Amino acid sequence: MGFWELFFKTLPGYGDAVINTIEITLVGLLIGLLIGLFFAFLKVSNIKILEIIADIYIYVIRGTPLIVQIFILYFGLVEFVDLGRLLSGGIALGVHNGAYIAEIFRGSIQSIDKGQSEAARSLGMNRSLSMRRIVLPQALRRAIPPLGNQFIIALKDSSLVAFIGFQDLFNKAQRIQSSTGMAMESYIIVGMYYLALVLILTFIVNRVERALSKSERGVEV
């Protein structure tokens, strides 16, 4: 069996694997965004103990391999409640991505001119209100480019959930390789699927960036 014969023969079977990969990536990103925003607020809170808590979380997560985190969270959660591979893997990916997203949000928030917050408070807004209405909307727009890069990394990192038995793209490639003995061909094919998904995600992120740039220019005018 040749490469293209294997490609077209396995094409229908990759449909569910693509959907599963997208699903677990979205679950991980949603959880990661919530965790990241929470710890970003801790980082900019100016309350020492909260900053230390955020620093410990970020240091531990960024200092340990994702595959270790997936195994710890998956097998640790199974001891108490069986959430299934999708949710367990999604939580692990979310916890991992949250550390990087927290730093992205932190940098974006701190990049906003402090004079805007001071002006908002002079108009009677408290710190929380000025953050919500003035600082955060601008910070979120500035965070889009680095967030887009992190989303792409998260998509590729999702392949590691195959090692807990989740039937994503990489798991599908492993099963095809096992049944056909065509290792190189199987992994080249799955690499093509990941590349296609990354290209689609990159296109979406670029469109969002351009739309936000146009809206900002419109406001300036």
N, C-alpha and C. Protein backbone atom coordinates (compact mmCIF):
# COMPACT_ATOMS: atom_id res chain seq x y z
N MET A 1 0.85 -1.19 0.00
CA MET A 1 0.00 0.00 0.00
C MET A 1 0.89 1.25 0.00
N GLY A 2 0.60 2.18 -0.92
CA GLY A 2 1.38 3.40 -1.00
C GLY A 2 0.85 4.50 -0.09
N PHE A 3 1.56 5.62 -0.07
CA PHE A 3 1.19 6.74 0.81
C PHE A 3 -0.20 7.27 0.50
N TRP A 4 -0.45 7.60 -0.78
CA TRP A 4 -1.73 8.21 -1.13
C TRP A 4 -2.88 7.21 -1.01
N GLU A 5 -2.59 5.96 -1.25
CA GLU A 5 -3.62 4.94 -1.05
C GLU A 5 -4.03 4.89 0.42
N LEU A 6 -3.05 4.94 1.29
CA LEU A 6 -3.34 4.96 2.73
C LEU A 6 -4.07 6.23 3.11
N PHE A 7 -3.67 7.35 2.53
CA PHE A 7 -4.31 8.64 2.84
C PHE A 7 -5.81 8.59 2.52
N PHE A 8 -6.15 8.19 1.31
CA PHE A 8 -7.55 8.19 0.89
C PHE A 8 -8.34 7.06 1.55
N LYS A 9 -7.68 5.96 1.86
CA LYS A 9 -8.37 4.86 2.53
C LYS A 9 -8.77 5.24 3.95
N THR A 10 -7.91 6.01 4.63
CA THR A 10 -8.18 6.38 6.03
C THR A 10 -8.91 7.72 6.16
N LEU A 11 -9.12 8.40 5.03
CA LEU A 11 -9.74 9.73 5.07
C LEU A 11 -11.08 9.76 5.80
N PRO A 12 -12.02 8.83 5.52
CA PRO A 12 -13.31 8.89 6.23
C PRO A 12 -13.16 8.68 7.74
N GLY A 13 -12.22 7.85 8.14
CA GLY A 13 -12.06 7.55 9.56
C GLY A 13 -11.49 8.69 10.38
N TYR A 14 -10.90 9.67 9.71
CA TYR A 14 -10.31 10.79 10.44
C TYR A 14 -11.33 11.86 10.82
N GLY A 15 -12.56 11.75 10.31
CA GLY A 15 -13.58 12.76 10.59
C GLY A 15 -13.83 12.94 12.08
N ASP A 16 -14.12 11.84 12.77
CA ASP A 16 -14.39 11.91 14.21
C ASP A 16 -13.16 12.37 14.98
N ALA A 17 -11.97 11.95 14.51
CA ALA A 17 -10.74 12.35 15.20
C ALA A 17 -10.52 13.85 15.10
N VAL A 18 -10.83 14.43 13.94
CA VAL A 18 -10.71 15.89 13.77
C VAL A 18 -11.67 16.61 14.71
N ILE A 19 -12.91 16.14 14.76
CA ILE A 19 -13.92 16.75 15.64
C ILE A 19 -13.49 16.65 17.10
N ASN A 20 -13.00 15.49 17.50
CA ASN A 20 -12.55 15.30 18.88
C ASN A 20 -11.38 16.22 19.22
N THR A 21 -10.47 16.38 18.27
CA THR A 21 -9.32 17.27 18.49
C THR A 21 -9.78 18.70 18.67
N ILE A 22 -10.71 19.14 17.83
CA ILE A 22 -11.24 20.51 17.95
C ILE A 22 -11.97 20.68 19.27
N GLU A 23 -12.76 19.69 19.66
CA GLU A 23 -13.54 19.77 20.90
C GLU A 23 -12.63 19.92 22.12
N ILE A 24 -11.62 19.05 22.23
CA ILE A 24 -10.78 19.10 23.43
C ILE A 24 -9.91 20.35 23.44
N THR A 25 -9.54 20.85 22.25
CA THR A 25 -8.79 22.09 22.19
C THR A 25 -9.65 23.26 22.67
N LEU A 26 -10.91 23.30 22.24
CA LEU A 26 -11.82 24.37 22.66
C LEU A 26 -12.09 24.31 24.17
N VAL A 27 -12.28 23.10 24.69
CA VAL A 27 -12.50 22.96 26.13
C VAL A 27 -11.27 23.46 26.90
N GLY A 28 -10.10 23.05 26.45
CA GLY A 28 -8.87 23.48 27.10
C GLY A 28 -8.66 24.98 27.03
N LEU A 29 -8.99 25.58 25.88
CA LEU A 29 -8.80 27.03 25.72
C LEU A 29 -9.81 27.81 26.57
N LEU A 30 -11.04 27.35 26.62
CA LEU A 30 -12.05 28.04 27.43
C LEU A 30 -11.65 28.03 28.90
N ILE A 31 -11.26 26.86 29.40
CA ILE A 31 -10.81 26.76 30.79
C ILE A 31 -9.54 27.58 30.99
N GLY A 32 -8.64 27.52 30.02
CA GLY A 32 -7.40 28.28 30.11
C GLY A 32 -7.62 29.78 30.14
N LEU A 33 -8.57 30.27 29.36
CA LEU A 33 -8.88 31.70 29.35
C LEU A 33 -9.41 32.16 30.71
N LEU A 34 -10.29 31.36 31.29
CA LEU A 34 -10.86 31.71 32.60
C LEU A 34 -9.78 31.69 33.68
N ILE A 35 -8.97 30.63 33.69
CA ILE A 35 -7.89 30.54 34.67
C ILE A 35 -6.87 31.65 34.45
N GLY A 36 -6.51 31.88 33.19
CA GLY A 36 -5.51 32.90 32.87
C GLY A 36 -5.95 34.28 33.29
N LEU A 37 -7.21 34.62 33.03
CA LEU A 37 -7.71 35.95 33.41
C LEU A 37 -7.73 36.09 34.93
N PHE A 38 -8.12 35.02 35.62
CA PHE A 38 -8.16 35.06 37.09
C PHE A 38 -6.77 35.33 37.67
N PHE A 39 -5.78 34.57 37.21
CA PHE A 39 -4.43 34.74 37.77
C PHE A 39 -3.76 36.02 37.28
N ALA A 40 -4.18 36.52 36.12
CA ALA A 40 -3.67 37.82 35.67
C ALA A 40 -4.15 38.92 36.61
N PHE A 41 -5.40 38.83 37.05
CA PHE A 41 -5.92 39.81 38.02
C PHE A 41 -5.16 39.72 39.34
N LEU A 42 -4.82 38.49 39.75
CA LEU A 42 -4.03 38.34 40.97
C LEU A 42 -2.66 39.01 40.81
N LYS A 43 -2.08 38.87 39.62
CA LYS A 43 -0.75 39.42 39.37
C LYS A 43 -0.73 40.95 39.41
N VAL A 44 -1.82 41.58 39.00
CA VAL A 44 -1.86 43.05 38.95
C VAL A 44 -2.65 43.63 40.12
N SER A 45 -2.94 42.81 41.12
CA SER A 45 -3.78 43.25 42.24
C SER A 45 -3.07 44.17 43.22
N ASN A 46 -1.71 44.17 43.18
CA ASN A 46 -0.91 44.93 44.15
C ASN A 46 -1.08 44.42 45.58
N ILE A 47 -1.57 43.19 45.71
CA ILE A 47 -1.67 42.54 47.02
C ILE A 47 -0.64 41.41 47.02
N LYS A 48 0.35 41.52 47.88
CA LYS A 48 1.52 40.66 47.81
C LYS A 48 1.18 39.17 47.85
N ILE A 49 0.32 38.76 48.78
CA ILE A 49 0.02 37.34 48.93
C ILE A 49 -0.64 36.78 47.68
N LEU A 50 -1.51 37.59 47.04
CA LEU A 50 -2.17 37.15 45.81
C LEU A 50 -1.17 37.04 44.67
N GLU A 51 -0.23 37.98 44.61
CA GLU A 51 0.81 37.92 43.58
C GLU A 51 1.69 36.68 43.77
N ILE A 52 1.98 36.35 45.01
CA ILE A 52 2.80 35.16 45.29
C ILE A 52 2.07 33.89 44.86
N ILE A 53 0.76 33.81 45.15
CA ILE A 53 -0.03 32.65 44.74
C ILE A 53 0.00 32.49 43.21
N ALA A 54 -0.18 33.61 42.50
CA ALA A 54 -0.15 33.57 41.04
C ALA A 54 1.23 33.16 40.53
N ASP A 55 2.28 33.68 41.16
CA ASP A 55 3.65 33.35 40.74
C ASP A 55 3.94 31.86 40.93
N ILE A 56 3.48 31.30 42.05
CA ILE A 56 3.71 29.87 42.31
C ILE A 56 3.02 29.02 41.26
N TYR A 57 1.75 29.34 40.97
CA TYR A 57 1.00 28.59 39.95
C TYR A 57 1.71 28.66 38.60
N ILE A 58 2.07 29.87 38.17
CA ILE A 58 2.71 30.04 36.87
C ILE A 58 4.05 29.33 36.82
N TYR A 59 4.83 29.45 37.89
CA TYR A 59 6.16 28.82 37.93
C TYR A 59 6.05 27.30 37.86
N VAL A 60 5.14 26.72 38.64
CA VAL A 60 4.99 25.26 38.68
C VAL A 60 4.51 24.73 37.33
N ILE A 61 3.49 25.37 36.76
CA ILE A 61 2.93 24.88 35.51
C ILE A 61 3.91 25.04 34.35
N ARG A 62 4.58 26.18 34.29
CA ARG A 62 5.52 26.42 33.20
C ARG A 62 6.82 25.64 33.38
N GLY A 63 7.05 25.18 34.59
CA GLY A 63 8.30 24.46 34.88
C GLY A 63 8.19 22.96 34.83
N THR A 64 7.00 22.43 34.53
CA THR A 64 6.82 20.98 34.44
C THR A 64 6.22 20.61 33.08
N PRO A 65 6.54 19.43 32.55
CA PRO A 65 6.05 19.03 31.23
C PRO A 65 4.54 18.86 31.20
N LEU A 66 3.94 19.22 30.08
CA LEU A 66 2.50 19.08 29.92
C LEU A 66 2.05 17.63 30.07
N ILE A 67 2.82 16.68 29.53
CA ILE A 67 2.42 15.28 29.61
C ILE A 67 2.34 14.82 31.05
N VAL A 68 3.23 15.31 31.91
CA VAL A 68 3.19 14.98 33.34
C VAL A 68 1.92 15.55 33.97
N GLN A 69 1.59 16.79 33.62
CA GLN A 69 0.39 17.43 34.16
C GLN A 69 -0.87 16.67 33.72
N ILE A 70 -0.91 16.24 32.47
CA ILE A 70 -2.06 15.48 31.97
C ILE A 70 -2.23 14.19 32.76
N PHE A 71 -1.13 13.47 32.99
CA PHE A 71 -1.21 12.21 33.72
C PHE A 71 -1.63 12.44 35.17
N ILE A 72 -1.05 13.46 35.81
CA ILE A 72 -1.38 13.74 37.21
C ILE A 72 -2.86 14.10 37.36
N LEU A 73 -3.34 15.00 36.50
CA LEU A 73 -4.72 15.45 36.60
C LEU A 73 -5.69 14.34 36.20
N TYR A 74 -5.37 13.60 35.13
CA TYR A 74 -6.28 12.56 34.68
C TYR A 74 -6.40 11.44 35.70
N PHE A 75 -5.26 10.87 36.11
CA PHE A 75 -5.31 9.75 37.05
C PHE A 75 -5.66 10.22 38.46
N GLY A 76 -5.34 11.47 38.77
CA GLY A 76 -5.73 12.02 40.07
C GLY A 76 -7.23 12.23 40.17
N LEU A 77 -7.83 12.77 39.10
CA LEU A 77 -9.27 13.00 39.11
C LEU A 77 -10.05 11.69 39.11
N VAL A 78 -9.52 10.67 38.41
CA VAL A 78 -10.20 9.38 38.35
C VAL A 78 -10.36 8.77 39.73
N GLU A 79 -9.43 9.09 40.64
CA GLU A 79 -9.51 8.57 42.01
C GLU A 79 -10.76 9.07 42.73
N PHE A 80 -11.25 10.26 42.33
CA PHE A 80 -12.38 10.87 43.03
C PHE A 80 -13.66 10.86 42.19
N VAL A 81 -13.52 11.20 40.91
CA VAL A 81 -14.71 11.23 40.04
C VAL A 81 -14.25 11.00 38.61
N ASP A 82 -14.99 10.17 37.90
CA ASP A 82 -14.66 9.86 36.50
C ASP A 82 -15.34 10.87 35.60
N LEU A 83 -14.56 11.87 35.14
CA LEU A 83 -15.10 12.92 34.29
C LEU A 83 -15.04 12.56 32.81
N GLY A 84 -14.43 11.44 32.50
CA GLY A 84 -14.25 11.07 31.10
C GLY A 84 -12.98 11.69 30.55
N ARG A 85 -12.51 11.14 29.44
CA ARG A 85 -11.23 11.59 28.88
C ARG A 85 -11.33 13.00 28.30
N LEU A 86 -12.47 13.36 27.71
CA LEU A 86 -12.61 14.69 27.11
C LEU A 86 -12.48 15.78 28.16
N LEU A 87 -13.28 15.69 29.23
CA LEU A 87 -13.25 16.73 30.25
C LEU A 87 -11.96 16.69 31.06
N SER A 88 -11.49 15.50 31.40
CA SER A 88 -10.25 15.39 32.16
C SER A 88 -9.08 15.96 31.37
N GLY A 89 -8.98 15.57 30.10
CA GLY A 89 -7.91 16.09 29.25
C GLY A 89 -8.06 17.57 29.02
N GLY A 90 -9.31 18.04 28.87
CA GLY A 90 -9.56 19.47 28.67
C GLY A 90 -9.15 20.29 29.88
N ILE A 91 -9.41 19.77 31.07
CA ILE A 91 -9.01 20.46 32.30
C ILE A 91 -7.49 20.55 32.38
N ALA A 92 -6.83 19.45 32.05
CA ALA A 92 -5.36 19.44 32.08
C ALA A 92 -4.79 20.45 31.10
N LEU A 93 -5.33 20.47 29.89
CA LEU A 93 -4.88 21.45 28.90
C LEU A 93 -5.20 22.87 29.35
N GLY A 94 -6.36 23.06 29.98
CA GLY A 94 -6.75 24.38 30.46
C GLY A 94 -5.83 24.90 31.56
N VAL A 95 -5.50 24.02 32.50
CA VAL A 95 -4.59 24.40 33.59
C VAL A 95 -3.23 24.77 33.02
N HIS A 96 -2.78 24.00 32.03
CA HIS A 96 -1.47 24.28 31.42
C HIS A 96 -1.48 25.60 30.65
N ASN A 97 -2.47 25.77 29.79
CA ASN A 97 -2.54 26.99 28.99
C ASN A 97 -2.82 28.22 29.83
N GLY A 98 -3.52 28.02 30.96
CA GLY A 98 -3.85 29.15 31.83
C GLY A 98 -2.63 29.90 32.32
N ALA A 99 -1.54 29.18 32.58
CA ALA A 99 -0.32 29.83 33.07
C ALA A 99 0.27 30.77 32.03
N TYR A 100 0.23 30.37 30.77
CA TYR A 100 0.77 31.20 29.69
C TYR A 100 -0.19 32.35 29.35
N ILE A 101 -1.48 32.04 29.38
CA ILE A 101 -2.49 33.07 29.09
C ILE A 101 -2.49 34.13 30.19
N ALA A 102 -2.24 33.72 31.44
CA ALA A 102 -2.17 34.68 32.55
C ALA A 102 -1.08 35.72 32.30
N GLU A 103 0.07 35.27 31.82
CA GLU A 103 1.16 36.19 31.52
C GLU A 103 0.83 37.09 30.34
N ILE A 104 0.10 36.57 29.37
CA ILE A 104 -0.32 37.38 28.23
C ILE A 104 -1.26 38.49 28.70
N PHE A 105 -2.26 38.12 29.50
CA PHE A 105 -3.20 39.12 30.02
C PHE A 105 -2.51 40.11 30.94
N ARG A 106 -1.62 39.62 31.77
CA ARG A 106 -0.89 40.50 32.69
C ARG A 106 -0.10 41.55 31.93
N GLY A 107 0.62 41.11 30.90
CA GLY A 107 1.39 42.05 30.10
C GLY A 107 0.51 43.05 29.37
N SER A 108 -0.63 42.59 28.87
CA SER A 108 -1.54 43.49 28.14
C SER A 108 -2.16 44.52 29.08
N ILE A 109 -2.55 44.08 30.28
CA ILE A 109 -3.14 45.01 31.24
C ILE A 109 -2.13 46.07 31.66
N GLN A 110 -0.90 45.64 31.93
CA GLN A 110 0.12 46.57 32.39
C GLN A 110 0.64 47.47 31.28
N SER A 111 0.33 47.12 30.01
CA SER A 111 0.78 47.97 28.91
C SER A 111 -0.12 49.18 28.70
N ILE A 112 -1.30 49.17 29.32
CA ILE A 112 -2.22 50.30 29.19
C ILE A 112 -1.72 51.46 30.05
N ASP A 113 -1.69 52.63 29.49
CA ASP A 113 -1.20 53.83 30.18
C ASP A 113 -1.95 54.02 31.51
N LYS A 114 -1.20 54.12 32.59
CA LYS A 114 -1.81 54.29 33.91
C LYS A 114 -2.61 55.58 34.01
N GLY A 115 -2.27 56.55 33.15
CA GLY A 115 -3.01 57.81 33.16
C GLY A 115 -4.49 57.62 32.87
N GLN A 116 -4.83 56.58 32.11
CA GLN A 116 -6.24 56.33 31.80
C GLN A 116 -7.00 55.88 33.04
N SER A 117 -6.36 55.04 33.85
CA SER A 117 -7.00 54.61 35.11
C SER A 117 -7.14 55.78 36.06
N GLU A 118 -6.12 56.62 36.11
CA GLU A 118 -6.18 57.80 36.99
C GLU A 118 -7.27 58.75 36.55
N ALA A 119 -7.41 58.93 35.23
CA ALA A 119 -8.47 59.80 34.71
C ALA A 119 -9.85 59.23 35.04
N ALA A 120 -9.98 57.90 34.92
CA ALA A 120 -11.26 57.26 35.23
C ALA A 120 -11.62 57.45 36.70
N ARG A 121 -10.63 57.31 37.58
CA ARG A 121 -10.90 57.49 39.00
C ARG A 121 -11.22 58.94 39.34
N SER A 122 -10.65 59.86 38.59
CA SER A 122 -10.97 61.28 38.82
C SER A 122 -12.41 61.59 38.43
N LEU A 123 -12.99 60.73 37.59
CA LEU A 123 -14.39 60.90 37.19
C LEU A 123 -15.34 60.15 38.12
N GLY A 124 -14.78 59.56 39.16
CA GLY A 124 -15.61 58.90 40.16
C GLY A 124 -15.64 57.39 40.08
N MET A 125 -14.92 56.80 39.13
CA MET A 125 -14.89 55.34 39.02
C MET A 125 -13.92 54.77 40.05
N ASN A 126 -14.31 53.65 40.66
CA ASN A 126 -13.37 52.96 41.53
C ASN A 126 -12.44 52.10 40.69
N ARG A 127 -11.47 51.46 41.35
CA ARG A 127 -10.46 50.66 40.62
C ARG A 127 -11.11 49.54 39.82
N SER A 128 -12.09 48.87 40.41
CA SER A 128 -12.74 47.75 39.74
C SER A 128 -13.49 48.21 38.50
N LEU A 129 -14.20 49.31 38.62
CA LEU A 129 -15.00 49.81 37.49
C LEU A 129 -14.10 50.32 36.37
N SER A 130 -13.04 51.03 36.73
CA SER A 130 -12.13 51.53 35.69
C SER A 130 -11.42 50.38 34.98
N MET A 131 -11.12 49.32 35.72
CA MET A 131 -10.51 48.14 35.12
C MET A 131 -11.47 47.50 34.13
N ARG A 132 -12.73 47.38 34.51
CA ARG A 132 -13.72 46.70 33.68
C ARG A 132 -14.10 47.50 32.45
N ARG A 133 -14.22 48.81 32.59
CA ARG A 133 -14.72 49.63 31.49
C ARG A 133 -13.64 50.29 30.64
N ILE A 134 -12.50 50.58 31.25
CA ILE A 134 -11.46 51.33 30.53
C ILE A 134 -10.27 50.45 30.16
N VAL A 135 -9.69 49.79 31.15
CA VAL A 135 -8.43 49.07 30.93
C VAL A 135 -8.64 47.74 30.21
N LEU A 136 -9.56 46.92 30.72
CA LEU A 136 -9.71 45.56 30.21
C LEU A 136 -10.09 45.49 28.73
N PRO A 137 -11.03 46.30 28.24
CA PRO A 137 -11.34 46.23 26.80
C PRO A 137 -10.12 46.50 25.91
N GLN A 138 -9.31 47.48 26.29
CA GLN A 138 -8.10 47.77 25.52
C GLN A 138 -7.07 46.64 25.65
N ALA A 139 -6.94 46.12 26.86
CA ALA A 139 -5.97 45.04 27.09
C ALA A 139 -6.35 43.79 26.30
N LEU A 140 -7.62 43.48 26.22
CA LEU A 140 -8.06 42.31 25.48
C LEU A 140 -7.74 42.44 24.00
N ARG A 141 -7.91 43.65 23.45
CA ARG A 141 -7.56 43.86 22.05
C ARG A 141 -6.07 43.66 21.82
N ARG A 142 -5.25 44.17 22.74
CA ARG A 142 -3.80 44.03 22.60
C ARG A 142 -3.35 42.58 22.80
N ALA A 143 -4.16 41.81 23.50
CA ALA A 143 -3.78 40.42 23.79
C ALA A 143 -4.08 39.47 22.65
N ILE A 144 -4.84 39.91 21.65
CA ILE A 144 -5.26 39.02 20.58
C ILE A 144 -4.09 38.36 19.84
N PRO A 145 -3.06 39.12 19.39
CA PRO A 145 -1.96 38.45 18.67
C PRO A 145 -1.24 37.37 19.48
N PRO A 146 -0.79 37.66 20.72
CA PRO A 146 -0.15 36.58 21.49
C PRO A 146 -1.12 35.46 21.86
N LEU A 147 -2.39 35.79 22.07
CA LEU A 147 -3.37 34.75 22.36
C LEU A 147 -3.53 33.83 21.15
N GLY A 148 -3.51 34.42 19.95
CA GLY A 148 -3.61 33.60 18.74
C GLY A 148 -2.48 32.60 18.66
N ASN A 149 -1.27 33.03 18.99
CA ASN A 149 -0.12 32.12 19.00
C ASN A 149 -0.30 31.02 20.04
N GLN A 150 -0.83 31.39 21.21
CA GLN A 150 -1.05 30.39 22.26
C GLN A 150 -2.13 29.40 21.86
N PHE A 151 -3.15 29.87 21.15
CA PHE A 151 -4.20 28.96 20.68
C PHE A 151 -3.62 27.92 19.72
N ILE A 152 -2.71 28.35 18.86
CA ILE A 152 -2.08 27.42 17.91
C ILE A 152 -1.23 26.39 18.67
N ILE A 153 -0.49 26.86 19.66
CA ILE A 153 0.31 25.95 20.49
C ILE A 153 -0.60 24.96 21.21
N ALA A 154 -1.74 25.46 21.71
CA ALA A 154 -2.68 24.59 22.43
C ALA A 154 -3.24 23.51 21.51
N LEU A 155 -3.52 23.88 20.27
CA LEU A 155 -4.03 22.90 19.30
C LEU A 155 -3.02 21.77 19.10
N LYS A 156 -1.76 22.14 18.92
CA LYS A 156 -0.73 21.11 18.71
C LYS A 156 -0.47 20.31 19.99
N ASP A 157 -0.50 20.99 21.14
CA ASP A 157 -0.28 20.29 22.41
C ASP A 157 -1.39 19.29 22.73
N SER A 158 -2.57 19.51 22.15
CA SER A 158 -3.69 18.61 22.43
C SER A 158 -3.39 17.17 22.00
N SER A 159 -2.39 17.00 21.13
CA SER A 159 -2.04 15.64 20.68
C SER A 159 -1.58 14.75 21.84
N LEU A 160 -1.14 15.37 22.94
CA LEU A 160 -0.64 14.58 24.08
C LEU A 160 -1.75 13.84 24.82
N VAL A 161 -3.01 14.27 24.63
CA VAL A 161 -4.10 13.57 25.32
C VAL A 161 -4.30 12.17 24.74
N ALA A 162 -3.67 11.89 23.60
CA ALA A 162 -3.74 10.53 23.05
C ALA A 162 -3.17 9.51 24.02
N PHE A 163 -2.26 9.96 24.89
CA PHE A 163 -1.59 9.03 25.81
C PHE A 163 -2.48 8.64 27.00
N ILE A 164 -3.65 9.28 27.13
CA ILE A 164 -4.62 8.82 28.13
C ILE A 164 -5.80 8.14 27.43
N GLY A 165 -5.60 7.83 26.15
CA GLY A 165 -6.61 7.07 25.41
C GLY A 165 -7.67 7.89 24.72
N PHE A 166 -7.54 9.22 24.71
CA PHE A 166 -8.53 10.05 24.02
C PHE A 166 -8.35 9.89 22.52
N GLN A 167 -9.46 9.70 21.81
CA GLN A 167 -9.40 9.36 20.39
C GLN A 167 -9.35 10.61 19.52
N ASP A 168 -8.20 11.28 19.58
CA ASP A 168 -7.98 12.47 18.76
C ASP A 168 -7.19 12.07 17.51
N LEU A 169 -6.66 13.07 16.82
CA LEU A 169 -5.92 12.80 15.58
C LEU A 169 -4.70 11.92 15.81
N PHE A 170 -3.94 12.24 16.84
CA PHE A 170 -2.71 11.48 17.07
C PHE A 170 -3.03 10.04 17.47
N ASN A 171 -4.06 9.87 18.28
CA ASN A 171 -4.48 8.53 18.67
C ASN A 171 -4.90 7.72 17.45
N LYS A 172 -5.60 8.39 16.52
CA LYS A 172 -6.02 7.73 15.27
C LYS A 172 -4.81 7.29 14.46
N ALA A 173 -3.79 8.16 14.39
CA ALA A 173 -2.57 7.82 13.66
C ALA A 173 -1.87 6.62 14.29
N GLN A 174 -1.86 6.58 15.63
CA GLN A 174 -1.24 5.45 16.32
C GLN A 174 -1.95 4.14 15.98
N ARG A 175 -3.27 4.18 15.93
CA ARG A 175 -4.03 2.96 15.63
C ARG A 175 -3.84 2.52 14.19
N ILE A 176 -3.77 3.48 13.28
CA ILE A 176 -3.53 3.15 11.87
C ILE A 176 -2.14 2.56 11.69
N GLN A 177 -1.16 3.17 12.36
CA GLN A 177 0.21 2.66 12.29
C GLN A 177 0.30 1.23 12.83
N SER A 178 -0.43 0.99 13.92
CA SER A 178 -0.41 -0.34 14.54
C SER A 178 -1.05 -1.39 13.64
N SER A 179 -2.10 -1.01 12.91
CA SER A 179 -2.82 -1.99 12.08
C SER A 179 -2.18 -2.20 10.72
N THR A 180 -1.46 -1.18 10.22
CA THR A 180 -0.88 -1.28 8.88
C THR A 180 0.63 -1.49 8.91
N GLY A 181 1.29 -1.11 10.00
CA GLY A 181 2.74 -1.17 10.07
C GLY A 181 3.43 -0.05 9.31
N MET A 182 2.64 0.91 8.80
CA MET A 182 3.19 2.03 8.02
C MET A 182 3.36 3.24 8.94
N ALA A 183 4.42 3.22 9.71
CA ALA A 183 4.62 4.24 10.74
C ALA A 183 4.85 5.63 10.14
N MET A 184 5.84 5.76 9.28
CA MET A 184 6.17 7.07 8.74
C MET A 184 5.00 7.68 7.98
N GLU A 185 4.35 6.89 7.15
CA GLU A 185 3.22 7.37 6.37
C GLU A 185 2.07 7.83 7.27
N SER A 186 1.80 7.05 8.31
CA SER A 186 0.70 7.38 9.22
C SER A 186 0.94 8.71 9.92
N TYR A 187 2.17 8.95 10.36
CA TYR A 187 2.46 10.18 11.10
C TYR A 187 2.62 11.38 10.17
N ILE A 188 3.02 11.16 8.93
CA ILE A 188 3.02 12.25 7.96
C ILE A 188 1.60 12.69 7.66
N ILE A 189 0.71 11.72 7.53
CA ILE A 189 -0.69 12.04 7.24
C ILE A 189 -1.31 12.83 8.39
N VAL A 190 -1.09 12.38 9.63
CA VAL A 190 -1.67 13.11 10.76
C VAL A 190 -1.04 14.50 10.87
N GLY A 191 0.23 14.61 10.50
CA GLY A 191 0.87 15.93 10.48
C GLY A 191 0.19 16.87 9.50
N MET A 192 -0.27 16.33 8.37
CA MET A 192 -0.99 17.13 7.38
C MET A 192 -2.31 17.63 7.93
N TYR A 193 -2.99 16.79 8.71
CA TYR A 193 -4.25 17.21 9.32
C TYR A 193 -4.02 18.34 10.34
N TYR A 194 -2.99 18.19 11.17
CA TYR A 194 -2.68 19.23 12.14
C TYR A 194 -2.31 20.53 11.42
N LEU A 195 -1.53 20.42 10.35
CA LEU A 195 -1.13 21.61 9.60
C LEU A 195 -2.35 22.32 9.03
N ALA A 196 -3.31 21.55 8.51
CA ALA A 196 -4.53 22.15 7.96
C ALA A 196 -5.31 22.90 9.05
N LEU A 197 -5.43 22.28 10.23
CA LEU A 197 -6.15 22.94 11.33
C LEU A 197 -5.43 24.20 11.78
N VAL A 198 -4.10 24.15 11.83
CA VAL A 198 -3.32 25.33 12.23
C VAL A 198 -3.50 26.46 11.22
N LEU A 199 -3.52 26.12 9.93
CA LEU A 199 -3.71 27.13 8.89
C LEU A 199 -5.09 27.79 9.02
N ILE A 200 -6.10 26.98 9.29
CA ILE A 200 -7.46 27.53 9.47
C ILE A 200 -7.50 28.44 10.68
N LEU A 201 -6.92 28.00 11.80
CA LEU A 201 -6.91 28.81 13.01
C LEU A 201 -6.12 30.09 12.80
N THR A 202 -4.99 30.02 12.11
CA THR A 202 -4.20 31.20 11.82
C THR A 202 -4.99 32.19 10.99
N PHE A 203 -5.72 31.70 10.01
CA PHE A 203 -6.56 32.56 9.17
C PHE A 203 -7.61 33.29 10.00
N ILE A 204 -8.26 32.55 10.92
CA ILE A 204 -9.29 33.16 11.77
C ILE A 204 -8.69 34.23 12.67
N VAL A 205 -7.55 33.93 13.28
CA VAL A 205 -6.89 34.90 14.17
C VAL A 205 -6.49 36.15 13.40
N ASN A 206 -5.95 35.97 12.20
CA ASN A 206 -5.55 37.13 11.39
C ASN A 206 -6.74 37.99 11.01
N ARG A 207 -7.86 37.36 10.71
CA ARG A 207 -9.08 38.11 10.39
C ARG A 207 -9.56 38.92 11.58
N VAL A 208 -9.52 38.30 12.76
CA VAL A 208 -9.93 39.01 13.98
C VAL A 208 -9.00 40.19 14.24
N GLU A 209 -7.70 39.99 14.07
CA GLU A 209 -6.74 41.07 14.28
C GLU A 209 -7.01 42.24 13.33
N ARG A 210 -7.26 41.93 12.05
CA ARG A 210 -7.53 42.99 11.08
C ARG A 210 -8.81 43.72 11.40
N ALA A 211 -9.84 42.98 11.82
CA ALA A 211 -11.11 43.60 12.18
C ALA A 211 -10.94 44.55 13.36
N LEU A 212 -10.18 44.13 14.37
CA LEU A 212 -9.94 44.98 15.53
C LEU A 212 -9.10 46.20 15.17
N SER A 213 -8.14 46.02 14.27
CA SER A 213 -7.32 47.15 13.83
C SER A 213 -8.16 48.19 13.11
N LYS A 214 -9.08 47.74 12.26
CA LYS A 214 -9.95 48.65 11.56
C LYS A 214 -10.87 49.40 12.52
N SER A 215 -11.40 48.69 13.52
CA SER A 215 -12.29 49.34 14.50
C SER A 215 -11.55 50.38 15.32
N GLU A 216 -10.28 50.09 15.65
CA GLU A 216 -9.49 51.05 16.42
C GLU A 216 -9.18 52.29 15.60
N ARG A 217 -8.88 52.09 14.30
CA ARG A 217 -8.63 53.24 13.43
C ARG A 217 -9.89 54.07 13.27
N GLY A 218 -11.04 53.37 13.21
CA GLY A 218 -12.31 54.10 13.11
C GLY A 218 -12.58 54.96 14.32
N VAL A 219 -12.23 54.43 15.52
CA VAL A 219 -12.42 55.20 16.75
C VAL A 219 -11.50 56.40 16.78
N GLU A 220 -10.24 56.20 16.32
CA GLU A 220 -9.29 57.30 16.32
C GLU A 220 -9.73 58.42 15.40
N VAL A 221 -10.29 58.02 14.21
CA VAL A 221 -10.78 59.04 13.28
C VAL A 221 -11.95 59.78 13.88
